[in-house]
Amino acid sequence: METYTAMRHFADSWGLLAMTVFFVGAILYAFRPGSRKLSDDAAQIPFRDED
């Protein structure tokens, strides 16, 4: 089996699964309870030093 073919098969199966799990985890982390305050604080960073 060539290297390209092996990498292609891996990306088609486990790579896709890993990316999906990472995406779902990132969404759950962003929308977890209690993250509203941190998100609002981060959104106000550009406006902190305005006169």
Protein backbone atom coordinates (compact mmCIF):
# COMPACT_ATOMS: atom_id res chain seq x y z
CA MET A 1 0.00 0.00 0.00
CA GLU A 2 1.41 3.34 -0.96
CA THR A 3 1.87 6.08 1.60
CA TYR A 4 -0.61 8.37 -0.13
CA THR A 5 -3.28 5.69 -0.20
CA ALA A 6 -2.77 4.87 3.46
CA MET A 7 -2.97 8.54 4.46
CA ARG A 8 -6.06 8.98 2.31
CA HIS A 9 -7.85 6.07 3.96
CA PHE A 10 -6.90 7.38 7.41
CA ALA A 11 -8.17 10.88 6.61
CA ASP A 12 -11.40 9.53 5.18
CA SER A 13 -12.19 7.55 8.33
CA TRP A 14 -10.46 8.54 11.57
CA GLY A 15 -9.43 12.02 10.47
CA LEU A 16 -13.02 12.97 9.72
CA LEU A 17 -14.16 11.54 13.03
CA ALA A 18 -11.45 13.47 14.92
CA MET A 19 -12.39 16.76 13.23
CA THR A 20 -16.07 16.19 13.99
CA VAL A 21 -15.37 15.45 17.65
CA PHE A 22 -13.16 18.56 17.89
CA PHE A 23 -15.86 20.74 16.29
CA VAL A 24 -18.59 19.46 18.62
CA GLY A 25 -16.29 19.95 21.60
CA ALA A 26 -15.51 23.52 20.59
CA ILE A 27 -19.21 24.30 20.22
CA LEU A 28 -20.02 22.78 23.61
CA TYR A 29 -17.14 24.71 25.21
CA ALA A 30 -18.32 28.01 23.73
CA PHE A 31 -21.94 27.53 24.79
CA ARG A 32 -21.33 26.00 28.21
CA PRO A 33 -23.15 27.50 31.18
CA GLY A 34 -21.17 30.29 32.80
CA SER A 35 -19.26 31.37 29.72
CA ARG A 36 -21.49 34.40 29.05
CA LYS A 37 -19.46 36.67 31.37
CA LEU A 38 -16.14 35.67 29.78
CA SER A 39 -17.53 36.15 26.28
CA ASP A 40 -18.95 39.58 27.10
CA ASP A 41 -15.66 40.61 28.69
CA ALA A 42 -13.69 39.49 25.62
CA ALA A 43 -16.11 41.36 23.33
CA GLN A 44 -15.44 44.64 25.18
CA ILE A 45 -11.63 44.52 24.87
CA PRO A 46 -11.43 46.86 21.82
CA PHE A 47 -13.51 49.52 23.60
CA ARG A 48 -11.70 49.62 26.96
CA ASP A 49 -9.23 52.40 26.17
CA GLU A 50 -11.51 54.70 24.19
CA ASP A 51 -11.73 58.29 25.32
